[in-house]
Amino acid sequence: MSTRIPDGGDRPSRTHGTAAPDRAGRGGGRPGRARLVLALTTVLVGGAALVSCSTDSGDEGGGASFSARPTRPDKSSFTGTPPSALASSAASAIDSARASASAAASSASAAASSFGASVAADTARGSAAAEAELKKVDGRGNALSEVAMTGMPRAQTGGLLAVLVTITNKTDQKASYAVQVEFRNSDDKVVETRFVGAEDLAPGKRAQPIAFSRQPAEPKLTPYLAKAQRY
């Protein structure tokens, strides 16, 4: 006796009418749930993005992490001297510089006075004699070739403009000399005149009196050999 397994034609009709729709229902339900999960995820992600944007926007408007308002510095981290002390130090330095400049000016003035007095004492007699002699001379004199002038460093003259007048007796006889030195400005105007001389100068010998100006350093003056007379 054999058992026969019915073929597809012998199966009940419910297999084709009921079971197929159930499989279709189960098979079609899974993609639906996936789409629903995806939609919910999208909504949640979008909401989180909106919350994040809102938070960032709030930070830009003055959040605790990025404040646009300046904060007061911590004074304990400062080093150096406070501004008031610096100002006081600067004022002290200025006063000291002024005092030094004043002392230097006083010293220069004293040096100039000392130099002038010394030269005047040495040349007083010769200057008077030279001035008197040159009043008799017409023109520039007969001894210009026997007189030369050399500028002296102001460091040696107390800041005064001075020249060393070298008088050389180029004759074979003893002679006296009178020299007139003029100090002229840039317009060739005579600002100051000095007289120097040498008396009884032996042949071949020389004398070196000093002629100086007491005028200020500015405007600049130029020494000029105006007259030289041998007598």
C-alpha atoms as a PDB file:
ATOM      1  CA  MET A   1       0.000   0.000   0.000  1.00  0.00           C
ATOM      2  CA  SER A   2       1.464   3.293  -0.945  1.00  0.00           C
ATOM      3  CA  THR A   3       0.787   6.705   0.298  1.00  0.00           C
ATOM      4  CA  ARG A   4       0.269   9.306  -2.352  1.00  0.00           C
ATOM      5  CA  ILE A   5       1.279  12.857  -1.822  1.00  0.00           C
ATOM      6  CA  PRO A   6      -1.225  15.031  -3.526  1.00  0.00           C
ATOM      7  CA  ASP A   7       0.201  17.324  -6.235  1.00  0.00           C
ATOM      8  CA  GLY A   8      -0.560  20.946  -6.576  1.00  0.00           C
ATOM      9  CA  GLY A   9      -3.864  20.210  -8.265  1.00  0.00           C
ATOM     10  CA  ASP A  10      -5.149  18.331  -5.203  1.00  0.00           C
ATOM     11  CA  ARG A  11      -4.278  21.055  -2.594  1.00  0.00           C
ATOM     12  CA  PRO A  12      -7.130  22.903  -0.973  1.00  0.00           C
ATOM     13  CA  SER A  13      -8.089  26.181  -2.530  1.00  0.00           C
ATOM     14  CA  ARG A  14      -7.325  28.133   0.723  1.00  0.00           C
ATOM     15  CA  THR A  15      -3.701  27.618   0.092  1.00  0.00           C
ATOM     16  CA  HIS A  16      -3.959  29.820  -2.969  1.00  0.00           C
ATOM     17  CA  GLY A  17      -6.593  32.156  -1.642  1.00  0.00           C
ATOM     18  CA  THR A  18      -5.437  32.846   1.958  1.00  0.00           C
ATOM     19  CA  ALA A  19      -1.819  31.871   2.548  1.00  0.00           C
ATOM     20  CA  ALA A  20      -0.438  33.922  -0.371  1.00  0.00           C
ATOM     21  CA  PRO A  21      -1.890  37.198   0.853  1.00  0.00           C
ATOM     22  CA  ASP A  22      -0.390  36.543   4.367  1.00  0.00           C
ATOM     23  CA  ARG A  23       3.077  36.112   2.913  1.00  0.00           C
ATOM     24  CA  ALA A  24       2.629  39.197   0.830  1.00  0.00           C
ATOM     25  CA  GLY A  25       1.482  41.083   3.904  1.00  0.00           C
ATOM     26  CA  ARG A  26       4.469  39.974   5.938  1.00  0.00           C
ATOM     27  CA  GLY A  27       6.888  40.603   3.105  1.00  0.00           C
ATOM     28  CA  GLY A  28       5.471  44.099   2.384  1.00  0.00           C
ATOM     29  CA  GLY A  29       5.346  45.091   6.085  1.00  0.00           C
ATOM     30  CA  ARG A  30       9.115  45.060   6.663  1.00  0.00           C
ATOM     31  CA  PRO A  31       9.987  47.776   4.125  1.00  0.00           C
ATOM     32  CA  GLY A  32       7.176  49.886   5.581  1.00  0.00           C
ATOM     33  CA  ARG A  33       8.628  49.697   9.057  1.00  0.00           C
ATOM     34  CA  ALA A  34      12.094  50.559   7.719  1.00  0.00           C
ATOM     35  CA  ARG A  35      10.710  53.637   5.987  1.00  0.00           C
ATOM     36  CA  LEU A  36       8.994  54.673   9.205  1.00  0.00           C
ATOM     37  CA  VAL A  37      12.243  54.291  11.219  1.00  0.00           C
ATOM     38  CA  LEU A  38      14.143  56.273   8.572  1.00  0.00           C
ATOM     39  CA  ALA A  39      11.585  59.071   8.691  1.00  0.00           C
ATOM     40  CA  LEU A  40      11.741  59.260  12.481  1.00  0.00           C
ATOM     41  CA  THR A  41      15.540  59.311  12.397  1.00  0.00           C
ATOM     42  CA  THR A  42      15.497  62.169   9.862  1.00  0.00           C
ATOM     43  CA  VAL A  43      13.164  64.186  12.068  1.00  0.00           C
ATOM     44  CA  LEU A  44      15.345  63.602  15.143  1.00  0.00           C
ATOM     45  CA  VAL A  45      18.555  64.534  13.302  1.00  0.00           C
ATOM     46  CA  GLY A  46      16.944  67.679  11.886  1.00  0.00           C
ATOM     47  CA  GLY A  47      15.748  68.698  15.319  1.00  0.00           C
ATOM     48  CA  ALA A  48      19.191  68.182  16.788  1.00  0.00           C
ATOM     49  CA  ALA A  49      20.684  70.325  14.009  1.00  0.00           C
ATOM     50  CA  LEU A  50      18.196  73.086  14.751  1.00  0.00           C
ATOM     51  CA  VAL A  51      19.022  72.941  18.437  1.00  0.00           C
ATOM     52  CA  SER A  52      22.751  73.070  17.599  1.00  0.00           C
ATOM     53  CA  CYS A  53      22.280  76.086  15.302  1.00  0.00           C
ATOM     54  CA  SER A  54      20.226  77.810  17.938  1.00  0.00           C
ATOM     55  CA  THR A  55      22.937  77.151  20.530  1.00  0.00           C
ATOM     56  CA  ASP A  56      25.695  78.416  18.195  1.00  0.00           C
ATOM     57  CA  SER A  57      23.709  81.535  17.432  1.00  0.00           C
ATOM     58  CA  GLY A  58      23.291  82.161  21.117  1.00  0.00           C
ATOM     59  CA  ASP A  59      27.042  81.801  21.652  1.00  0.00           C
ATOM     60  CA  GLU A  60      27.744  84.376  18.968  1.00  0.00           C
ATOM     61  CA  GLY A  61      25.495  86.836  20.749  1.00  0.00           C
ATOM     62  CA  GLY A  62      27.561  86.746  23.953  1.00  0.00           C
ATOM     63  CA  GLY A  63      27.847  83.149  25.164  1.00  0.00           C
ATOM     64  CA  ALA A  64      30.090  82.338  28.090  1.00  0.00           C
ATOM     65  CA  SER A  65      32.791  80.739  25.925  1.00  0.00           C
ATOM     66  CA  PHE A  66      33.123  83.567  23.365  1.00  0.00           C
ATOM     67  CA  SER A  67      32.387  86.876  25.040  1.00  0.00           C
ATOM     68  CA  ALA A  68      32.887  90.056  22.957  1.00  0.00           C
ATOM     69  CA  ARG A  69      33.288  92.157  26.109  1.00  0.00           C
ATOM     70  CA  PRO A  70      36.911  92.724  27.296  1.00  0.00           C
ATOM     71  CA  THR A  71      37.877  91.342  30.655  1.00  0.00           C
ATOM     72  CA  ARG A  72      39.882  93.254  33.216  1.00  0.00           C
ATOM     73  CA  PRO A  73      43.515  92.034  33.316  1.00  0.00           C
ATOM     74  CA  ASP A  74      44.946  90.433  36.391  1.00  0.00           C
ATOM     75  CA  LYS A  75      47.202  93.083  37.955  1.00  0.00           C
ATOM     76  CA  SER A  76      49.146  90.443  39.813  1.00  0.00           C
ATOM     77  CA  SER A  77      50.618  89.282  36.490  1.00  0.00           C
ATOM     78  CA  PHE A  78      52.059  92.719  35.669  1.00  0.00           C
ATOM     79  CA  THR A  79      55.801  93.306  35.859  1.00  0.00           C
ATOM     80  CA  GLY A  80      57.888  96.446  35.747  1.00  0.00           C
ATOM     81  CA  THR A  81      57.309  99.939  37.088  1.00  0.00           C
ATOM     82  CA  PRO A  82      53.795 101.410  37.287  1.00  0.00           C
ATOM     83  CA  PRO A  83      53.035 104.270  34.847  1.00  0.00           C
ATOM     84  CA  SER A  84      53.125 106.884  37.589  1.00  0.00           C
ATOM     85  CA  ALA A  85      56.624 105.812  38.562  1.00  0.00           C
ATOM     86  CA  LEU A  86      57.708 105.859  34.918  1.00  0.00           C
ATOM     87  CA  ALA A  87      56.408 109.395  34.515  1.00  0.00           C
ATOM     88  CA  SER A  88      58.239 110.437  37.653  1.00  0.00           C
ATOM     89  CA  SER A  89      61.427 108.806  36.409  1.00  0.00           C
ATOM     90  CA  ALA A  90      61.118 110.549  33.020  1.00  0.00           C
ATOM     91  CA  ALA A  91      60.576 113.915  34.695  1.00  0.00           C
ATOM     92  CA  SER A  92      63.604 113.303  36.878  1.00  0.00           C
ATOM     93  CA  ALA A  93      65.700 112.433  33.815  1.00  0.00           C
ATOM     94  CA  ILE A  94      64.579 115.616  32.056  1.00  0.00           C
ATOM     95  CA  ASP A  95      65.433 117.731  35.083  1.00  0.00           C
ATOM     96  CA  SER A  96      68.808 116.054  35.314  1.00  0.00           C
ATOM     97  CA  ALA A  97      69.484 116.693  31.610  1.00  0.00           C
ATOM     98  CA  ARG A  98      68.531 120.337  31.993  1.00  0.00           C
ATOM     99  CA  ALA A  99      70.777 120.698  34.998  1.00  0.00           C
ATOM    100  CA  SER A 100      73.638 119.067  33.084  1.00  0.00           C
ATOM    101  CA  ALA A 101      73.064 121.342  30.080  1.00  0.00           C
ATOM    102  CA  SER A 102      72.977 124.391  32.330  1.00  0.00           C
ATOM    103  CA  ALA A 103      76.162 123.306  34.062  1.00  0.00           C
ATOM    104  CA  ALA A 104      77.833 122.690  30.692  1.00  0.00           C
ATOM    105  CA  ALA A 105      76.767 126.123  29.437  1.00  0.00           C
ATOM    106  CA  SER A 106      78.089 127.767  32.582  1.00  0.00           C
ATOM    107  CA  SER A 107      81.342 125.862  32.246  1.00  0.00           C
ATOM    108  CA  ALA A 108      81.700 126.871  28.571  1.00  0.00           C
ATOM    109  CA  SER A 109      80.999 130.488  29.411  1.00  0.00           C
ATOM    110  CA  ALA A 110      83.592 130.423  32.160  1.00  0.00           C
ATOM    111  CA  ALA A 111      86.144 128.842  29.824  1.00  0.00           C
ATOM    112  CA  ALA A 112      85.476 131.471  27.155  1.00  0.00           C
ATOM    113  CA  SER A 113      85.848 134.272  29.663  1.00  0.00           C
ATOM    114  CA  SER A 114      89.076 132.808  30.976  1.00  0.00           C
ATOM    115  CA  PHE A 115      90.540 132.391  27.490  1.00  0.00           C
ATOM    116  CA  GLY A 116      89.546 135.896  26.424  1.00  0.00           C
ATOM    117  CA  ALA A 117      90.975 137.468  29.551  1.00  0.00           C
ATOM    118  CA  SER A 118      94.252 135.592  29.143  1.00  0.00           C
ATOM    119  CA  VAL A 119      94.658 136.590  25.498  1.00  0.00           C
ATOM    120  CA  ALA A 120      93.702 140.187  26.186  1.00  0.00           C
ATOM    121  CA  ALA A 121      96.285 140.417  28.932  1.00  0.00           C
ATOM    122  CA  ASP A 122      99.019 139.018  26.683  1.00  0.00           C
ATOM    123  CA  THR A 123      98.212 141.208  23.688  1.00  0.00           C
ATOM    124  CA  ALA A 124      96.938 144.382  25.335  1.00  0.00           C
ATOM    125  CA  ARG A 125     100.045 146.506  24.683  1.00  0.00           C
ATOM    126  CA  GLY A 126     100.654 145.138  21.195  1.00  0.00           C
ATOM    127  CA  SER A 127      96.969 145.627  20.263  1.00  0.00           C
ATOM    128  CA  ALA A 128      96.946 149.268  21.301  1.00  0.00           C
ATOM    129  CA  ALA A 129     100.191 149.980  19.434  1.00  0.00           C
ATOM    130  CA  ALA A 130      98.976 148.145  16.328  1.00  0.00           C
ATOM    131  CA  GLU A 131      95.686 150.031  16.241  1.00  0.00           C
ATOM    132  CA  ALA A 132      97.471 153.376  16.560  1.00  0.00           C
ATOM    133  CA  GLU A 133      99.955 152.516  13.793  1.00  0.00           C
ATOM    134  CA  LEU A 134      97.331 151.278  11.329  1.00  0.00           C
ATOM    135  CA  LYS A 135      95.405 154.526  11.560  1.00  0.00           C
ATOM    136  CA  LYS A 136      98.287 156.075   9.603  1.00  0.00           C
ATOM    137  CA  VAL A 137      98.178 153.453   6.840  1.00  0.00           C
ATOM    138  CA  ASP A 138      96.367 153.875   3.550  1.00  0.00           C
ATOM    139  CA  GLY A 139      95.392 150.645   1.869  1.00  0.00           C
ATOM    140  CA  ARG A 140      96.193 147.251   3.313  1.00  0.00           C
ATOM    141  CA  GLY A 141      99.795 147.830   4.368  1.00  0.00           C
ATOM    142  CA  ASN A 142     103.277 146.648   3.301  1.00  0.00           C
ATOM    143  CA  ALA A 143     103.548 143.363   5.212  1.00  0.00           C
ATOM    144  CA  LEU A 144     100.691 141.129   4.063  1.00  0.00           C
ATOM    145  CA  SER A 145     103.179 138.547   2.765  1.00  0.00           C
ATOM    146  CA  GLU A 146     104.772 138.270   6.210  1.00  0.00           C
ATOM    147  CA  VAL A 147     101.551 137.458   8.046  1.00  0.00           C
ATOM    148  CA  ALA A 148      99.492 134.231   8.069  1.00  0.00           C
ATOM    149  CA  MET A 149      96.446 133.119  10.044  1.00  0.00           C
ATOM    150  CA  THR A 150      95.504 129.651  11.320  1.00  0.00           C
ATOM    151  CA  GLY A 151      92.153 128.755  12.894  1.00  0.00           C
ATOM    152  CA  MET A 152      92.235 127.401  16.460  1.00  0.00           C
ATOM    153  CA  PRO A 153      90.044 124.514  17.742  1.00  0.00           C
ATOM    154  CA  ARG A 154      87.113 125.791  19.801  1.00  0.00           C
ATOM    155  CA  ALA A 155      87.935 123.153  22.391  1.00  0.00           C
ATOM    156  CA  GLN A 156      91.072 125.183  23.133  1.00  0.00           C
ATOM    157  CA  THR A 157      89.401 128.591  23.077  1.00  0.00           C
ATOM    158  CA  GLY A 158      86.427 128.039  25.371  1.00  0.00           C
ATOM    159  CA  GLY A 159      84.178 127.888  22.303  1.00  0.00           C
ATOM    160  CA  LEU A 160      85.307 131.244  20.901  1.00  0.00           C
ATOM    161  CA  LEU A 161      86.247 131.807  17.265  1.00  0.00           C
ATOM    162  CA  ALA A 162      89.971 132.510  17.330  1.00  0.00           C
ATOM    163  CA  VAL A 163      92.914 132.558  14.937  1.00  0.00           C
ATOM    164  CA  LEU A 164      96.626 132.254  15.548  1.00  0.00           C
ATOM    165  CA  VAL A 165      98.326 135.136  13.720  1.00  0.00           C
ATOM    166  CA  THR A 166     101.862 134.190  12.693  1.00  0.00           C
ATOM    167  CA  ILE A 167     104.101 137.179  11.994  1.00  0.00           C
ATOM    168  CA  THR A 168     107.506 136.420  10.451  1.00  0.00           C
ATOM    169  CA  ASN A 169     110.182 139.073   9.938  1.00  0.00           C
ATOM    170  CA  LYS A 170     111.467 138.260   6.472  1.00  0.00           C
ATOM    171  CA  THR A 171     113.749 141.271   6.311  1.00  0.00           C
ATOM    172  CA  ASP A 172     117.359 141.619   7.421  1.00  0.00           C
ATOM    173  CA  GLN A 173     116.536 144.247  10.024  1.00  0.00           C
ATOM    174  CA  LYS A 174     114.651 144.352  13.274  1.00  0.00           C
ATOM    175  CA  ALA A 175     111.065 145.514  12.749  1.00  0.00           C
ATOM    176  CA  SER A 176     107.701 145.966  14.436  1.00  0.00           C
ATOM    177  CA  TYR A 177     104.383 144.835  12.977  1.00  0.00           C
ATOM    178  CA  ALA A 178     100.740 145.897  13.232  1.00  0.00           C
ATOM    179  CA  VAL A 179      97.960 143.572  12.051  1.00  0.00           C
ATOM    180  CA  GLN A 180      94.194 144.151  11.676  1.00  0.00           C
ATOM    181  CA  VAL A 181      91.889 141.086  11.686  1.00  0.00           C
ATOM    182  CA  GLU A 182      88.220 141.446  10.783  1.00  0.00           C
ATOM    183  CA  PHE A 183      85.461 138.948  11.520  1.00  0.00           C
ATOM    184  CA  ARG A 184      82.878 139.073   8.734  1.00  0.00           C
ATOM    185  CA  ASN A 185      79.466 137.472   8.266  1.00  0.00           C
ATOM    186  CA  SER A 186      78.094 135.728   5.174  1.00  0.00           C
ATOM    187  CA  ASP A 187      77.244 139.116   3.644  1.00  0.00           C
ATOM    188  CA  ASP A 188      80.899 140.185   3.968  1.00  0.00           C
ATOM    189  CA  LYS A 189      79.917 142.716   6.592  1.00  0.00           C
ATOM    190  CA  VAL A 190      82.473 143.421   9.310  1.00  0.00           C
ATOM    191  CA  VAL A 191      80.979 142.338  12.635  1.00  0.00           C
ATOM    192  CA  GLU A 192      84.061 142.680  14.844  1.00  0.00           C
ATOM    193  CA  THR A 193      87.648 143.943  14.469  1.00  0.00           C
ATOM    194  CA  ARG A 194      90.767 142.940  16.412  1.00  0.00           C
ATOM    195  CA  PHE A 195      94.296 144.368  16.390  1.00  0.00           C
ATOM    196  CA  VAL A 196      97.450 142.405  17.177  1.00  0.00           C
ATOM    197  CA  GLY A 197     101.134 143.148  16.712  1.00  0.00           C
ATOM    198  CA  ALA A 198     104.738 142.394  17.465  1.00  0.00           C
ATOM    199  CA  GLU A 199     107.426 144.872  18.480  1.00  0.00           C
ATOM    200  CA  ASP A 200     111.141 144.761  17.731  1.00  0.00           C
ATOM    201  CA  LEU A 201     111.034 141.401  15.994  1.00  0.00           C
ATOM    202  CA  ALA A 202     114.514 140.252  14.954  1.00  0.00           C
ATOM    203  CA  PRO A 203     115.236 139.196  11.348  1.00  0.00           C
ATOM    204  CA  GLY A 204     113.965 135.662  10.657  1.00  0.00           C
ATOM    205  CA  LYS A 205     112.085 135.523  13.951  1.00  0.00           C
ATOM    206  CA  ARG A 206     108.376 135.175  14.377  1.00  0.00           C
ATOM    207  CA  ALA A 207     105.625 136.061  16.810  1.00  0.00           C
ATOM    208  CA  GLN A 208     102.220 134.406  17.216  1.00  0.00           C
ATOM    209  CA  PRO A 209      99.591 136.607  18.851  1.00  0.00           C
ATOM    210  CA  ILE A 210      95.950 135.482  18.956  1.00  0.00           C
ATOM    211  CA  ALA A 211      92.972 137.381  17.563  1.00  0.00           C
ATOM    212  CA  PHE A 212      89.534 136.228  18.712  1.00  0.00           C
ATOM    213  CA  SER A 213      85.876 137.188  18.439  1.00  0.00           C
ATOM    214  CA  ARG A 214      83.434 137.345  21.342  1.00  0.00           C
ATOM    215  CA  GLN A 215      80.438 136.934  19.055  1.00  0.00           C
ATOM    216  CA  PRO A 216      78.111 133.868  19.358  1.00  0.00           C
ATOM    217  CA  ALA A 217      78.861 130.760  17.310  1.00  0.00           C
ATOM    218  CA  GLU A 218      75.842 131.527  15.126  1.00  0.00           C
ATOM    219  CA  PRO A 219      75.639 133.186  12.698  1.00  0.00           C
ATOM    220  CA  LYS A 220      78.968 131.916  11.455  1.00  0.00           C
ATOM    221  CA  LEU A 221      81.761 134.449  11.048  1.00  0.00           C
ATOM    222  CA  THR A 222      84.941 134.272   8.959  1.00  0.00           C
ATOM    223  CA  PRO A 223      88.267 135.838   9.990  1.00  0.00           C
ATOM    224  CA  TYR A 224      89.830 138.072   7.342  1.00  0.00           C
ATOM    225  CA  LEU A 225      93.313 139.611   7.200  1.00  0.00           C
ATOM    226  CA  ALA A 226      92.471 143.246   6.509  1.00  0.00           C
ATOM    227  CA  LYS A 227      95.799 145.018   7.060  1.00  0.00           C
ATOM    228  CA  ALA A 228      99.436 144.248   7.935  1.00  0.00           C
ATOM    229  CA  GLN A 229     102.039 146.957   8.337  1.00  0.00           C
ATOM    230  CA  ARG A 230     105.760 146.702   9.056  1.00  0.00           C
ATOM    231  CA  TYR A 231     107.293 149.751  10.706  1.00  0.00           C
END
